[in-house]
Amino acid sequence: MSSERPQPSPVERRVARSLDGENRHGRAIPTEELQRERTVENYLRGALMPRWMERLKDIESGTRQHRRALAADHAYLREQHADDPETFARVWRERVERRSFDDVNDLVQDHNEWFPVERQLPMDPRTGEYQKVAGRPYTRDPLTVEWALALFPPTLDGDDGDDDAPEKD
């Protein structure tokens, strides 16, 4: 028997993210939310903003925050090591490799798992795959070290990266 703890479910990860404060108390539930009938259909349709939409908004917001932080770190290290490209490259790679993207990647994992169900996407019966949305796959790629290094390369020459550039999926 293994003593490893099983991976938390998407619901457990969502609850853990919603807890805040030192005592880890959740946010107060609005009265109108408490009075609303709880059914799977209402959850999937959503009374206000559907969960899939909130999650996509959180993914975009989190990705922008990581881009801004990476841009600031990159600019700072470029300035600190302006005369030593090898040291800059080494220090920048180390900094990016230590960075955690788990906050956004948990949301991406939840999105990839739940989006087709929440949106009631049609499934191709031959392949068992959900159909694309507007001709594009619905899945999102997680943020990785490679993603960060592609945005902000470990070189001193050229552009410092543009955190206002359009996001690439």
N, C-alpha and C. Protein backbone atom coordinates (compact mmCIF):
# COMPACT_ATOMS: atom_id res chain seq x y z
N MET A 1 0.85 -1.18 0.00
CA MET A 1 0.00 0.00 0.00
C MET A 1 0.90 1.24 0.00
N SER A 2 0.63 2.14 -0.90
CA SER A 2 1.43 3.34 -1.04
C SER A 2 0.96 4.41 -0.06
N SER A 3 1.94 5.16 0.48
CA SER A 3 1.60 6.23 1.42
C SER A 3 1.46 7.58 0.71
N GLU A 4 1.57 7.57 -0.62
CA GLU A 4 1.44 8.82 -1.37
C GLU A 4 0.00 9.30 -1.32
N ARG A 5 -0.15 10.60 -1.17
CA ARG A 5 -1.48 11.21 -1.15
C ARG A 5 -1.98 11.31 -2.58
N PRO A 6 -3.25 10.93 -2.84
CA PRO A 6 -3.76 11.03 -4.22
C PRO A 6 -3.86 12.48 -4.66
N GLN A 7 -3.80 12.68 -5.97
CA GLN A 7 -3.92 14.02 -6.53
C GLN A 7 -5.29 14.58 -6.19
N PRO A 8 -5.36 15.86 -5.81
CA PRO A 8 -6.68 16.45 -5.52
C PRO A 8 -7.51 16.55 -6.80
N SER A 9 -8.80 16.41 -6.64
CA SER A 9 -9.72 16.53 -7.77
C SER A 9 -9.81 18.00 -8.20
N PRO A 10 -10.38 18.26 -9.38
CA PRO A 10 -10.56 19.65 -9.80
C PRO A 10 -11.38 20.46 -8.79
N VAL A 11 -12.37 19.83 -8.19
CA VAL A 11 -13.19 20.54 -7.20
C VAL A 11 -12.35 20.88 -5.98
N GLU A 12 -11.55 19.93 -5.50
CA GLU A 12 -10.69 20.20 -4.34
C GLU A 12 -9.69 21.31 -4.63
N ARG A 13 -9.13 21.32 -5.85
CA ARG A 13 -8.19 22.39 -6.22
C ARG A 13 -8.90 23.74 -6.25
N ARG A 14 -10.13 23.78 -6.75
CA ARG A 14 -10.91 25.02 -6.82
C ARG A 14 -11.21 25.53 -5.41
N VAL A 15 -11.61 24.63 -4.52
CA VAL A 15 -11.91 25.04 -3.15
C VAL A 15 -10.65 25.57 -2.48
N ALA A 16 -9.53 24.89 -2.67
CA ALA A 16 -8.27 25.33 -2.06
C ALA A 16 -7.88 26.72 -2.56
N ARG A 17 -8.10 27.01 -3.84
CA ARG A 17 -7.76 28.33 -4.39
C ARG A 17 -8.70 29.40 -3.87
N SER A 18 -9.95 29.02 -3.52
CA SER A 18 -10.92 30.03 -3.09
C SER A 18 -10.73 30.41 -1.63
N LEU A 19 -9.95 29.64 -0.89
CA LEU A 19 -9.71 29.96 0.51
C LEU A 19 -8.71 31.10 0.59
N ASP A 20 -8.94 32.00 1.53
CA ASP A 20 -8.03 33.12 1.64
C ASP A 20 -7.82 33.49 3.10
N GLY A 21 -6.85 34.31 3.35
CA GLY A 21 -6.59 34.80 4.69
C GLY A 21 -5.76 33.83 5.51
N GLU A 22 -5.33 34.32 6.65
CA GLU A 22 -4.47 33.55 7.52
C GLU A 22 -5.17 32.31 8.06
N ASN A 23 -6.46 32.43 8.36
CA ASN A 23 -7.21 31.30 8.91
C ASN A 23 -7.80 30.41 7.83
N ARG A 24 -7.54 30.75 6.57
CA ARG A 24 -8.00 29.97 5.42
C ARG A 24 -9.52 29.85 5.39
N HIS A 25 -10.21 30.98 5.70
CA HIS A 25 -11.66 31.01 5.61
C HIS A 25 -12.03 31.41 4.19
N GLY A 26 -13.07 30.84 3.66
CA GLY A 26 -13.53 31.20 2.33
C GLY A 26 -14.28 32.52 2.35
N ARG A 27 -14.61 32.99 1.17
CA ARG A 27 -15.39 34.22 1.05
C ARG A 27 -16.83 33.95 1.44
N ALA A 28 -17.51 34.96 1.94
CA ALA A 28 -18.91 34.83 2.32
C ALA A 28 -19.75 34.54 1.08
N ILE A 29 -20.73 33.66 1.22
CA ILE A 29 -21.62 33.33 0.11
C ILE A 29 -22.78 34.31 0.12
N PRO A 30 -23.04 35.00 -1.00
CA PRO A 30 -24.15 35.96 -1.05
C PRO A 30 -25.48 35.29 -0.78
N THR A 31 -26.42 36.03 -0.16
CA THR A 31 -27.73 35.50 0.18
C THR A 31 -28.46 34.96 -1.04
N GLU A 32 -28.40 35.71 -2.16
CA GLU A 32 -29.11 35.25 -3.36
C GLU A 32 -28.53 33.93 -3.88
N GLU A 33 -27.25 33.72 -3.64
CA GLU A 33 -26.63 32.46 -4.05
C GLU A 33 -27.15 31.32 -3.17
N LEU A 34 -27.35 31.59 -1.89
CA LEU A 34 -27.85 30.55 -0.97
C LEU A 34 -29.29 30.17 -1.29
N GLN A 35 -30.06 31.10 -1.86
CA GLN A 35 -31.47 30.84 -2.14
C GLN A 35 -31.69 30.22 -3.52
N ARG A 36 -30.68 30.18 -4.34
CA ARG A 36 -30.80 29.64 -5.69
C ARG A 36 -30.86 28.12 -5.65
N GLU A 37 -31.70 27.55 -6.47
CA GLU A 37 -31.80 26.09 -6.56
C GLU A 37 -30.49 25.53 -7.11
N ARG A 38 -30.00 24.49 -6.47
CA ARG A 38 -28.73 23.89 -6.88
C ARG A 38 -28.99 22.64 -7.71
N THR A 39 -28.75 22.75 -8.98
CA THR A 39 -28.86 21.59 -9.87
C THR A 39 -27.66 21.60 -10.79
N VAL A 40 -27.36 20.47 -11.35
CA VAL A 40 -26.26 20.38 -12.31
C VAL A 40 -26.54 21.28 -13.51
N GLU A 41 -27.79 21.29 -13.95
CA GLU A 41 -28.14 22.11 -15.11
C GLU A 41 -27.89 23.59 -14.84
N ASN A 42 -28.29 24.06 -13.63
CA ASN A 42 -28.05 25.46 -13.29
C ASN A 42 -26.57 25.76 -13.19
N TYR A 43 -25.80 24.81 -12.65
CA TYR A 43 -24.35 25.02 -12.57
C TYR A 43 -23.77 25.14 -13.97
N LEU A 44 -24.14 24.22 -14.85
CA LEU A 44 -23.57 24.23 -16.20
C LEU A 44 -23.98 25.46 -16.99
N ARG A 45 -25.21 25.90 -16.82
CA ARG A 45 -25.67 27.08 -17.54
C ARG A 45 -25.18 28.36 -16.86
N GLY A 46 -25.08 28.32 -15.54
CA GLY A 46 -24.59 29.46 -14.77
C GLY A 46 -25.63 30.55 -14.64
N ALA A 47 -25.81 31.01 -13.43
CA ALA A 47 -26.78 32.07 -13.21
C ALA A 47 -26.18 33.43 -13.55
N LEU A 48 -24.91 33.60 -13.25
CA LEU A 48 -24.26 34.87 -13.57
C LEU A 48 -23.29 34.60 -14.71
N MET A 49 -22.01 34.58 -14.38
CA MET A 49 -21.00 34.26 -15.38
C MET A 49 -20.71 32.76 -15.27
N PRO A 50 -20.79 32.03 -16.37
CA PRO A 50 -20.52 30.59 -16.29
C PRO A 50 -19.10 30.34 -15.77
N ARG A 51 -18.92 29.22 -15.09
CA ARG A 51 -17.62 28.89 -14.50
C ARG A 51 -16.53 28.84 -15.55
N TRP A 52 -16.82 28.29 -16.73
CA TRP A 52 -15.78 28.20 -17.76
C TRP A 52 -15.31 29.59 -18.16
N MET A 53 -16.23 30.56 -18.14
CA MET A 53 -15.87 31.92 -18.52
C MET A 53 -15.02 32.57 -17.42
N GLU A 54 -15.41 32.36 -16.16
CA GLU A 54 -14.60 32.86 -15.04
C GLU A 54 -13.19 32.28 -15.10
N ARG A 55 -13.12 30.98 -15.37
CA ARG A 55 -11.82 30.30 -15.40
C ARG A 55 -10.95 30.85 -16.53
N LEU A 56 -11.54 31.06 -17.72
CA LEU A 56 -10.77 31.63 -18.83
C LEU A 56 -10.28 33.04 -18.48
N LYS A 57 -11.13 33.80 -17.82
CA LYS A 57 -10.74 35.15 -17.38
C LYS A 57 -9.58 35.06 -16.39
N ASP A 58 -9.65 34.11 -15.46
CA ASP A 58 -8.57 33.93 -14.48
C ASP A 58 -7.28 33.46 -15.15
N ILE A 59 -7.40 32.61 -16.17
CA ILE A 59 -6.21 32.15 -16.91
C ILE A 59 -5.54 33.33 -17.61
N GLU A 60 -6.34 34.14 -18.28
CA GLU A 60 -5.79 35.30 -19.00
C GLU A 60 -5.16 36.30 -18.02
N SER A 61 -5.84 36.56 -16.93
CA SER A 61 -5.33 37.49 -15.93
C SER A 61 -4.03 36.97 -15.31
N GLY A 62 -4.01 35.70 -14.95
CA GLY A 62 -2.81 35.10 -14.37
C GLY A 62 -1.65 35.10 -15.34
N THR A 63 -1.93 34.82 -16.61
CA THR A 63 -0.88 34.82 -17.64
C THR A 63 -0.31 36.22 -17.80
N ARG A 64 -1.17 37.24 -17.80
CA ARG A 64 -0.69 38.63 -17.89
C ARG A 64 0.18 38.98 -16.68
N GLN A 65 -0.20 38.55 -15.50
CA GLN A 65 0.60 38.83 -14.30
C GLN A 65 1.97 38.18 -14.41
N HIS A 66 2.02 36.95 -14.88
CA HIS A 66 3.31 36.27 -15.04
C HIS A 66 4.16 36.98 -16.10
N ARG A 67 3.53 37.42 -17.19
CA ARG A 67 4.27 38.14 -18.24
C ARG A 67 4.87 39.44 -17.70
N ARG A 68 4.07 40.18 -16.91
CA ARG A 68 4.59 41.42 -16.33
C ARG A 68 5.74 41.16 -15.37
N ALA A 69 5.60 40.15 -14.53
CA ALA A 69 6.66 39.83 -13.57
C ALA A 69 7.93 39.37 -14.32
N LEU A 70 7.75 38.56 -15.35
CA LEU A 70 8.89 38.11 -16.14
C LEU A 70 9.57 39.30 -16.83
N ALA A 71 8.76 40.20 -17.37
CA ALA A 71 9.32 41.37 -18.05
C ALA A 71 10.13 42.22 -17.08
N ALA A 72 9.61 42.42 -15.87
CA ALA A 72 10.32 43.22 -14.88
C ALA A 72 11.63 42.54 -14.46
N ASP A 73 11.57 41.24 -14.20
CA ASP A 73 12.78 40.50 -13.82
C ASP A 73 13.81 40.51 -14.94
N HIS A 74 13.34 40.32 -16.16
CA HIS A 74 14.23 40.28 -17.32
C HIS A 74 14.94 41.63 -17.49
N ALA A 75 14.16 42.72 -17.40
CA ALA A 75 14.75 44.05 -17.55
C ALA A 75 15.76 44.33 -16.44
N TYR A 76 15.43 43.94 -15.21
CA TYR A 76 16.33 44.17 -14.09
C TYR A 76 17.64 43.40 -14.28
N LEU A 77 17.55 42.14 -14.65
CA LEU A 77 18.76 41.33 -14.82
C LEU A 77 19.57 41.80 -16.04
N ARG A 78 18.90 42.25 -17.09
CA ARG A 78 19.62 42.81 -18.25
C ARG A 78 20.45 44.01 -17.82
N GLU A 79 19.86 44.83 -16.97
CA GLU A 79 20.57 46.02 -16.49
C GLU A 79 21.75 45.62 -15.58
N GLN A 80 21.53 44.65 -14.72
CA GLN A 80 22.56 44.22 -13.78
C GLN A 80 23.74 43.55 -14.47
N HIS A 81 23.47 42.84 -15.57
CA HIS A 81 24.52 42.08 -16.25
C HIS A 81 24.72 42.56 -17.68
N ALA A 82 24.58 43.85 -17.90
CA ALA A 82 24.65 44.41 -19.25
C ALA A 82 25.99 44.16 -19.92
N ASP A 83 27.05 43.99 -19.13
CA ASP A 83 28.38 43.81 -19.71
C ASP A 83 28.83 42.34 -19.71
N ASP A 84 27.96 41.41 -19.30
CA ASP A 84 28.35 40.00 -19.21
C ASP A 84 27.21 39.10 -19.70
N PRO A 85 27.15 38.84 -21.02
CA PRO A 85 26.05 38.04 -21.59
C PRO A 85 25.95 36.62 -21.03
N GLU A 86 27.10 35.99 -20.75
CA GLU A 86 27.06 34.60 -20.24
C GLU A 86 26.43 34.56 -18.85
N THR A 87 26.82 35.48 -18.00
CA THR A 87 26.25 35.52 -16.65
C THR A 87 24.76 35.84 -16.71
N PHE A 88 24.39 36.80 -17.56
CA PHE A 88 22.98 37.13 -17.71
C PHE A 88 22.19 35.90 -18.13
N ALA A 89 22.67 35.18 -19.15
CA ALA A 89 21.95 34.00 -19.65
C ALA A 89 21.79 32.96 -18.55
N ARG A 90 22.86 32.71 -17.79
CA ARG A 90 22.82 31.71 -16.72
C ARG A 90 21.85 32.12 -15.62
N VAL A 91 21.98 33.38 -15.17
CA VAL A 91 21.13 33.87 -14.07
C VAL A 91 19.67 33.92 -14.51
N TRP A 92 19.42 34.36 -15.74
CA TRP A 92 18.04 34.45 -16.23
C TRP A 92 17.40 33.07 -16.32
N ARG A 93 18.13 32.10 -16.87
CA ARG A 93 17.59 30.73 -16.95
C ARG A 93 17.28 30.18 -15.55
N GLU A 94 18.20 30.41 -14.61
CA GLU A 94 17.98 29.93 -13.24
C GLU A 94 16.73 30.57 -12.64
N ARG A 95 16.58 31.87 -12.87
CA ARG A 95 15.42 32.60 -12.33
C ARG A 95 14.13 32.03 -12.91
N VAL A 96 14.11 31.82 -14.21
CA VAL A 96 12.89 31.31 -14.85
C VAL A 96 12.60 29.88 -14.39
N GLU A 97 13.62 29.05 -14.25
CA GLU A 97 13.42 27.67 -13.84
C GLU A 97 12.90 27.56 -12.40
N ARG A 98 13.19 28.56 -11.57
CA ARG A 98 12.69 28.55 -10.18
C ARG A 98 11.24 29.06 -10.09
N ARG A 99 10.79 29.75 -11.10
CA ARG A 99 9.46 30.35 -11.06
C ARG A 99 8.38 29.27 -11.17
N SER A 100 7.34 29.43 -10.37
CA SER A 100 6.22 28.50 -10.40
C SER A 100 5.06 29.12 -11.18
N PHE A 101 4.54 28.35 -12.10
CA PHE A 101 3.36 28.77 -12.86
C PHE A 101 2.14 27.95 -12.44
N ASP A 102 2.23 27.31 -11.26
CA ASP A 102 1.18 26.38 -10.83
C ASP A 102 -0.19 27.03 -10.71
N ASP A 103 -0.24 28.30 -10.31
CA ASP A 103 -1.54 28.95 -10.15
C ASP A 103 -2.32 28.94 -11.47
N VAL A 104 -1.66 29.30 -12.56
CA VAL A 104 -2.31 29.33 -13.86
C VAL A 104 -2.45 27.91 -14.41
N ASN A 105 -1.43 27.09 -14.22
CA ASN A 105 -1.47 25.73 -14.78
C ASN A 105 -2.56 24.87 -14.16
N ASP A 106 -2.89 25.10 -12.89
CA ASP A 106 -4.03 24.39 -12.28
C ASP A 106 -5.33 24.79 -12.98
N LEU A 107 -5.47 26.08 -13.26
CA LEU A 107 -6.66 26.55 -13.98
C LEU A 107 -6.71 25.98 -15.39
N VAL A 108 -5.56 25.92 -16.06
CA VAL A 108 -5.49 25.36 -17.42
C VAL A 108 -5.91 23.89 -17.39
N GLN A 109 -5.42 23.16 -16.40
CA GLN A 109 -5.78 21.74 -16.28
C GLN A 109 -7.29 21.59 -16.06
N ASP A 110 -7.85 22.41 -15.16
CA ASP A 110 -9.30 22.37 -14.93
C ASP A 110 -10.05 22.72 -16.21
N HIS A 111 -9.59 23.74 -16.91
CA HIS A 111 -10.24 24.16 -18.16
C HIS A 111 -10.23 23.02 -19.18
N ASN A 112 -9.09 22.43 -19.40
CA ASN A 112 -8.99 21.36 -20.40
C ASN A 112 -9.85 20.16 -20.04
N GLU A 113 -10.03 19.93 -18.74
CA GLU A 113 -10.83 18.79 -18.29
C GLU A 113 -12.33 19.07 -18.33
N TRP A 114 -12.75 20.28 -17.93
CA TRP A 114 -14.16 20.56 -17.74
C TRP A 114 -14.83 21.37 -18.83
N PHE A 115 -14.09 22.13 -19.62
CA PHE A 115 -14.69 23.03 -20.60
C PHE A 115 -15.65 22.33 -21.55
N PRO A 116 -15.28 21.18 -22.15
CA PRO A 116 -16.22 20.57 -23.10
C PRO A 116 -17.54 20.14 -22.45
N VAL A 117 -17.48 19.73 -21.19
CA VAL A 117 -18.70 19.33 -20.49
C VAL A 117 -19.54 20.56 -20.15
N GLU A 118 -18.88 21.58 -19.62
CA GLU A 118 -19.60 22.80 -19.23
C GLU A 118 -20.23 23.50 -20.43
N ARG A 119 -19.57 23.46 -21.57
CA ARG A 119 -20.10 24.11 -22.78
C ARG A 119 -20.97 23.17 -23.60
N GLN A 120 -21.06 21.93 -23.16
CA GLN A 120 -21.84 20.90 -23.85
C GLN A 120 -21.42 20.80 -25.32
N LEU A 121 -20.10 20.71 -25.52
CA LEU A 121 -19.58 20.60 -26.88
C LEU A 121 -19.99 19.27 -27.49
N PRO A 122 -20.33 19.28 -28.77
CA PRO A 122 -20.65 18.01 -29.43
C PRO A 122 -19.39 17.15 -29.58
N MET A 123 -19.60 15.84 -29.54
CA MET A 123 -18.49 14.91 -29.65
C MET A 123 -18.59 14.17 -30.97
N ASP A 124 -17.45 13.97 -31.60
CA ASP A 124 -17.39 13.17 -32.82
C ASP A 124 -17.47 11.70 -32.41
N PRO A 125 -18.55 11.01 -32.78
CA PRO A 125 -18.71 9.63 -32.32
C PRO A 125 -17.65 8.67 -32.87
N ARG A 126 -17.06 9.00 -34.02
CA ARG A 126 -16.02 8.12 -34.57
C ARG A 126 -14.72 8.20 -33.79
N THR A 127 -14.34 9.40 -33.37
CA THR A 127 -13.05 9.56 -32.70
C THR A 127 -13.17 9.70 -31.18
N GLY A 128 -14.37 10.07 -30.69
CA GLY A 128 -14.54 10.31 -29.26
C GLY A 128 -13.96 11.65 -28.83
N GLU A 129 -13.58 12.49 -29.79
CA GLU A 129 -13.01 13.82 -29.50
C GLU A 129 -14.12 14.86 -29.54
N TYR A 130 -13.98 15.86 -28.67
CA TYR A 130 -14.90 16.99 -28.72
C TYR A 130 -14.57 17.85 -29.93
N GLN A 131 -15.60 18.45 -30.50
CA GLN A 131 -15.38 19.28 -31.67
C GLN A 131 -14.71 20.59 -31.28
N LYS A 132 -14.05 21.19 -32.25
CA LYS A 132 -13.34 22.45 -32.01
C LYS A 132 -14.34 23.59 -31.85
N VAL A 133 -13.88 24.66 -31.20
CA VAL A 133 -14.69 25.86 -31.01
C VAL A 133 -14.19 26.90 -32.00
N ALA A 134 -15.06 27.31 -32.91
CA ALA A 134 -14.71 28.28 -33.95
C ALA A 134 -13.48 27.81 -34.74
N GLY A 135 -13.39 26.50 -34.96
CA GLY A 135 -12.29 25.95 -35.75
C GLY A 135 -10.98 25.79 -35.01
N ARG A 136 -10.97 26.11 -33.71
CA ARG A 136 -9.74 26.01 -32.91
C ARG A 136 -9.95 25.02 -31.78
N PRO A 137 -8.87 24.34 -31.37
CA PRO A 137 -9.01 23.46 -30.21
C PRO A 137 -9.36 24.27 -28.96
N TYR A 138 -10.15 23.68 -28.08
CA TYR A 138 -10.55 24.37 -26.86
C TYR A 138 -9.48 24.31 -25.78
N THR A 139 -8.53 23.40 -25.92
CA THR A 139 -7.52 23.22 -24.88
C THR A 139 -6.56 24.40 -24.84
N ARG A 140 -6.02 24.64 -23.65
CA ARG A 140 -5.01 25.67 -23.44
C ARG A 140 -3.71 24.99 -23.06
N ASP A 141 -2.61 25.60 -23.45
CA ASP A 141 -1.30 25.07 -23.08
C ASP A 141 -0.88 25.63 -21.74
N PRO A 142 -0.26 24.80 -20.91
CA PRO A 142 0.23 25.30 -19.62
C PRO A 142 1.42 26.25 -19.83
N LEU A 143 1.66 27.08 -18.84
CA LEU A 143 2.82 27.96 -18.87
C LEU A 143 4.04 27.13 -18.45
N THR A 144 5.10 27.26 -19.21
CA THR A 144 6.30 26.47 -18.96
C THR A 144 7.54 27.35 -18.99
N VAL A 145 8.65 26.77 -18.61
CA VAL A 145 9.94 27.46 -18.70
C VAL A 145 10.21 27.82 -20.16
N GLU A 146 9.91 26.90 -21.07
CA GLU A 146 10.13 27.16 -22.51
C GLU A 146 9.30 28.34 -22.99
N TRP A 147 8.06 28.44 -22.51
CA TRP A 147 7.18 29.56 -22.87
C TRP A 147 7.82 30.87 -22.41
N ALA A 148 8.30 30.90 -21.16
CA ALA A 148 8.90 32.11 -20.61
C ALA A 148 10.17 32.49 -21.36
N LEU A 149 11.00 31.50 -21.68
CA LEU A 149 12.26 31.80 -22.38
C LEU A 149 12.01 32.21 -23.83
N ALA A 150 10.93 31.75 -24.43
CA ALA A 150 10.59 32.20 -25.78
C ALA A 150 10.13 33.66 -25.75
N LEU A 151 9.40 34.05 -24.71
CA LEU A 151 8.96 35.44 -24.58
C LEU A 151 10.12 36.37 -24.26
N PHE A 152 10.97 35.92 -23.35
CA PHE A 152 12.09 36.74 -22.89
C PHE A 152 13.37 35.90 -22.97
N PRO A 153 14.01 35.90 -24.14
CA PRO A 153 15.19 35.06 -24.36
C PRO A 153 16.37 35.46 -23.46
N PRO A 154 17.23 34.49 -23.19
CA PRO A 154 18.38 34.76 -22.32
C PRO A 154 19.55 35.39 -23.08
N THR A 155 19.25 36.43 -23.84
CA THR A 155 20.28 37.15 -24.59
C THR A 155 20.17 38.63 -24.29
N LEU A 156 21.27 39.32 -24.40
CA LEU A 156 21.29 40.76 -24.16
C LEU A 156 20.99 41.57 -25.41
N ASP A 157 21.18 40.98 -26.57
CA ASP A 157 20.93 41.72 -27.81
C ASP A 157 19.46 41.66 -28.18
N GLY A 158 19.01 42.63 -28.92
CA GLY A 158 17.64 42.63 -29.44
C GLY A 158 16.65 43.22 -28.47
N ASP A 159 15.40 42.90 -28.71
CA ASP A 159 14.26 43.45 -27.98
C ASP A 159 14.20 42.88 -26.57
N ASP A 160 13.69 43.66 -25.65
CA ASP A 160 13.55 43.26 -24.24
C ASP A 160 12.24 42.52 -23.99
N GLY A 161 11.55 42.09 -25.04
CA GLY A 161 10.25 41.44 -24.87
C GLY A 161 9.19 42.50 -24.75
N ASP A 162 8.02 42.23 -25.28
CA ASP A 162 6.94 43.21 -25.26
C ASP A 162 5.78 42.62 -24.50
N ASP A 163 5.58 43.10 -23.25
CA ASP A 163 4.50 42.52 -22.46
C ASP A 163 3.13 43.01 -22.91
N ASP A 164 3.06 43.90 -23.90
CA ASP A 164 1.78 44.31 -24.47
C ASP A 164 1.48 43.60 -25.76
N ALA A 165 2.40 42.73 -26.20
CA ALA A 165 2.19 42.00 -27.45
C ALA A 165 1.02 41.04 -27.27
N PRO A 166 0.32 40.72 -28.38
CA PRO A 166 -0.80 39.79 -28.27
C PRO A 166 -0.32 38.42 -27.79
N GLU A 167 -1.16 37.78 -27.03
CA GLU A 167 -0.85 36.47 -26.47
C GLU A 167 -0.91 35.40 -27.55
N LYS A 168 0.06 34.49 -27.54
CA LYS A 168 0.03 33.36 -28.47
C LYS A 168 -0.39 32.14 -27.70
N ASP A 169 -1.34 31.39 -28.25
CA ASP A 169 -1.80 30.15 -27.59
C ASP A 169 -0.90 29.00 -27.91
